[in-house]
């Protein structure tokens, strides 16, 4: 568990849509106000999800629905 300084708020968490692992809000995302838009825990998961969608399109399978609300 990460150390917290006095007065620091706990980081918000989400689940990665590619691998299913939880990940925490990063300071960079918080400052920019983009955590609501973040879907993947890492660049590797983002690339893997993109490759899977492209392969499904090439194979003629219907693309999976977008998990965002």
N, C-alpha and C. Protein backbone atom coordinates (compact mmCIF):
# COMPACT_ATOMS: atom_id res chain seq x y z
N UNK A 1 0.85 -1.17 0.00
CA UNK A 1 0.00 0.00 0.00
C UNK A 1 0.90 1.23 0.00
N UNK A 2 0.60 2.21 -0.86
CA UNK A 2 1.44 3.39 -0.93
C UNK A 2 1.33 4.24 0.33
N UNK A 3 2.42 4.92 0.64
CA UNK A 3 2.42 5.82 1.79
C UNK A 3 1.62 7.06 1.45
N UNK A 4 0.91 7.55 2.43
CA UNK A 4 0.16 8.79 2.24
C UNK A 4 0.69 9.83 3.21
N UNK A 5 0.78 11.03 2.75
CA UNK A 5 1.18 12.11 3.63
C UNK A 5 -0.06 12.65 4.33
N UNK A 6 0.16 13.37 5.41
CA UNK A 6 -0.97 13.93 6.16
C UNK A 6 -1.79 14.84 5.26
N UNK A 7 -3.07 14.66 5.24
CA UNK A 7 -3.96 15.50 4.47
C UNK A 7 -4.16 15.07 3.03
N UNK A 8 -3.43 14.06 2.58
CA UNK A 8 -3.58 13.59 1.20
C UNK A 8 -4.85 12.76 1.09
N UNK A 9 -5.56 12.97 0.01
CA UNK A 9 -6.78 12.19 -0.18
C UNK A 9 -6.43 10.85 -0.83
N UNK A 10 -7.19 9.81 -0.55
CA UNK A 10 -6.89 8.52 -1.18
C UNK A 10 -7.15 8.59 -2.68
N UNK A 11 -6.33 7.89 -3.44
CA UNK A 11 -6.46 7.90 -4.89
C UNK A 11 -7.70 7.12 -5.32
N UNK A 12 -8.39 7.64 -6.31
CA UNK A 12 -9.54 6.93 -6.87
C UNK A 12 -9.02 5.74 -7.67
N UNK A 13 -9.81 4.68 -7.77
CA UNK A 13 -9.38 3.51 -8.53
C UNK A 13 -10.42 3.16 -9.59
N UNK A 14 -9.93 2.51 -10.65
CA UNK A 14 -10.75 2.02 -11.74
C UNK A 14 -10.23 0.64 -12.11
N UNK A 15 -10.97 -0.05 -12.96
CA UNK A 15 -10.54 -1.35 -13.48
C UNK A 15 -10.20 -1.19 -14.95
N UNK A 16 -9.04 -1.72 -15.34
CA UNK A 16 -8.59 -1.65 -16.73
C UNK A 16 -9.53 -2.48 -17.60
N UNK A 17 -9.96 -1.92 -18.74
CA UNK A 17 -10.88 -2.64 -19.62
C UNK A 17 -10.18 -3.74 -20.41
N UNK A 18 -8.85 -3.71 -20.50
CA UNK A 18 -8.12 -4.73 -21.25
C UNK A 18 -7.75 -5.93 -20.39
N UNK A 19 -7.17 -5.67 -19.20
CA UNK A 19 -6.66 -6.77 -18.39
C UNK A 19 -7.47 -7.02 -17.12
N UNK A 20 -8.33 -6.09 -16.73
CA UNK A 20 -9.18 -6.29 -15.56
C UNK A 20 -8.53 -5.95 -14.23
N UNK A 21 -7.30 -5.48 -14.25
CA UNK A 21 -6.63 -5.14 -13.00
C UNK A 21 -7.02 -3.73 -12.55
N UNK A 22 -7.08 -3.51 -11.23
CA UNK A 22 -7.39 -2.16 -10.76
C UNK A 22 -6.16 -1.25 -10.90
N UNK A 23 -6.41 0.02 -11.17
CA UNK A 23 -5.33 1.00 -11.20
C UNK A 23 -5.81 2.28 -10.56
N UNK A 24 -4.86 3.04 -10.03
CA UNK A 24 -5.20 4.23 -9.26
C UNK A 24 -5.03 5.50 -10.09
N UNK A 25 -5.73 6.52 -9.66
CA UNK A 25 -5.63 7.85 -10.25
C UNK A 25 -4.19 8.33 -10.09
N UNK A 26 -3.63 8.90 -11.16
CA UNK A 26 -2.29 9.46 -11.11
C UNK A 26 -2.39 10.97 -10.99
N UNK A 27 -1.40 11.56 -10.35
CA UNK A 27 -1.40 13.01 -10.16
C UNK A 27 -1.53 13.77 -11.47
N UNK A 28 -0.87 13.26 -12.52
CA UNK A 28 -0.92 13.91 -13.83
C UNK A 28 -2.37 13.94 -14.35
N UNK A 29 -3.08 12.82 -14.18
CA UNK A 29 -4.47 12.77 -14.64
C UNK A 29 -5.35 13.68 -13.80
N UNK A 30 -5.07 13.73 -12.51
CA UNK A 30 -5.87 14.56 -11.61
C UNK A 30 -5.70 16.03 -11.96
N UNK A 31 -4.46 16.46 -12.20
CA UNK A 31 -4.21 17.86 -12.55
C UNK A 31 -4.88 18.24 -13.86
N UNK A 32 -4.87 17.32 -14.81
CA UNK A 32 -5.47 17.61 -16.13
C UNK A 32 -6.97 17.37 -16.14
N UNK A 33 -7.50 16.69 -15.13
CA UNK A 33 -8.93 16.41 -15.06
C UNK A 33 -9.40 15.38 -16.06
N UNK A 34 -8.54 14.40 -16.38
CA UNK A 34 -8.89 13.43 -17.42
C UNK A 34 -9.10 12.01 -16.89
N UNK A 35 -9.08 11.80 -15.57
CA UNK A 35 -9.20 10.44 -15.05
C UNK A 35 -10.51 9.77 -15.48
N UNK A 36 -11.55 10.53 -15.65
CA UNK A 36 -12.84 9.96 -16.08
C UNK A 36 -12.73 9.35 -17.48
N UNK A 37 -11.81 9.85 -18.30
CA UNK A 37 -11.66 9.38 -19.67
C UNK A 37 -10.67 8.22 -19.81
N UNK A 38 -9.87 7.95 -18.78
CA UNK A 38 -8.84 6.92 -18.85
C UNK A 38 -9.50 5.54 -18.76
N UNK A 39 -9.13 4.64 -19.69
CA UNK A 39 -9.74 3.30 -19.73
C UNK A 39 -8.75 2.17 -19.46
N UNK A 40 -7.46 2.42 -19.72
CA UNK A 40 -6.46 1.37 -19.62
C UNK A 40 -5.42 1.71 -18.57
N UNK A 41 -4.85 0.68 -17.94
CA UNK A 41 -3.87 0.91 -16.88
C UNK A 41 -2.50 1.26 -17.42
N UNK A 42 -2.23 0.94 -18.68
CA UNK A 42 -0.90 1.19 -19.24
C UNK A 42 -0.99 1.33 -20.76
N UNK A 43 0.09 1.81 -21.34
CA UNK A 43 0.17 1.89 -22.81
C UNK A 43 0.13 0.50 -23.42
N UNK A 44 0.72 -0.47 -22.73
CA UNK A 44 0.72 -1.85 -23.25
C UNK A 44 -0.70 -2.39 -23.36
N UNK A 45 -1.54 -2.14 -22.36
CA UNK A 45 -2.94 -2.60 -22.42
C UNK A 45 -3.71 -1.86 -23.50
N UNK A 46 -3.44 -0.57 -23.67
CA UNK A 46 -4.11 0.20 -24.71
C UNK A 46 -3.76 -0.35 -26.09
N UNK A 47 -2.48 -0.64 -26.32
CA UNK A 47 -2.06 -1.19 -27.61
C UNK A 47 -2.64 -2.58 -27.83
N UNK A 48 -2.66 -3.41 -26.79
CA UNK A 48 -3.20 -4.77 -26.92
C UNK A 48 -4.68 -4.73 -27.27
N UNK A 49 -5.43 -3.86 -26.64
CA UNK A 49 -6.86 -3.75 -26.92
C UNK A 49 -7.10 -3.27 -28.34
N UNK A 50 -6.29 -2.34 -28.80
CA UNK A 50 -6.41 -1.83 -30.16
C UNK A 50 -6.12 -2.94 -31.17
N UNK A 51 -5.08 -3.73 -30.90
CA UNK A 51 -4.74 -4.84 -31.80
C UNK A 51 -5.86 -5.88 -31.85
N UNK A 52 -6.48 -6.18 -30.71
CA UNK A 52 -7.56 -7.17 -30.67
C UNK A 52 -8.77 -6.68 -31.46
N UNK A 53 -9.11 -5.39 -31.33
CA UNK A 53 -10.25 -4.85 -32.08
C UNK A 53 -9.97 -4.89 -33.57
N UNK A 54 -8.74 -4.55 -33.97
CA UNK A 54 -8.39 -4.55 -35.39
C UNK A 54 -8.43 -5.98 -35.95
N UNK A 55 -7.96 -6.94 -35.20
CA UNK A 55 -7.98 -8.33 -35.65
C UNK A 55 -9.41 -8.83 -35.80
N UNK A 56 -10.28 -8.43 -34.90
CA UNK A 56 -11.68 -8.84 -34.98
C UNK A 56 -12.34 -8.23 -36.22
N UNK A 57 -12.01 -6.98 -36.53
CA UNK A 57 -12.56 -6.35 -37.72
C UNK A 57 -12.09 -7.05 -38.99
N UNK A 58 -10.80 -7.40 -39.02
CA UNK A 58 -10.26 -8.09 -40.20
C UNK A 58 -10.89 -9.47 -40.37
N UNK A 59 -11.21 -10.14 -39.29
CA UNK A 59 -11.78 -11.47 -39.34
C UNK A 59 -13.28 -11.42 -39.66
N UNK A 60 -13.85 -10.24 -39.68
CA UNK A 60 -15.27 -10.10 -40.00
C UNK A 60 -16.19 -10.26 -38.81
N UNK A 61 -15.62 -10.39 -37.64
CA UNK A 61 -16.45 -10.51 -36.43
C UNK A 61 -16.99 -9.14 -36.07
N UNK A 62 -18.14 -9.14 -35.45
CA UNK A 62 -18.71 -7.88 -35.00
C UNK A 62 -17.86 -7.34 -33.86
N UNK A 63 -17.53 -6.06 -33.87
CA UNK A 63 -16.71 -5.50 -32.80
C UNK A 63 -17.48 -5.53 -31.48
N UNK A 64 -16.74 -5.72 -30.40
CA UNK A 64 -17.38 -5.73 -29.09
C UNK A 64 -17.87 -4.32 -28.79
N UNK A 65 -18.95 -4.22 -28.03
CA UNK A 65 -19.47 -2.88 -27.72
C UNK A 65 -18.49 -2.11 -26.85
N UNK A 66 -18.51 -0.81 -27.00
CA UNK A 66 -17.64 0.06 -26.24
C UNK A 66 -18.07 -0.03 -24.77
N UNK A 67 -17.14 -0.37 -23.84
CA UNK A 67 -17.53 -0.53 -22.42
C UNK A 67 -17.78 0.78 -21.71
N UNK A 68 -17.48 1.91 -22.36
CA UNK A 68 -17.72 3.19 -21.70
C UNK A 68 -19.21 3.47 -21.65
N UNK A 69 -19.64 4.12 -20.57
CA UNK A 69 -21.08 4.44 -20.46
C UNK A 69 -21.53 5.49 -21.43
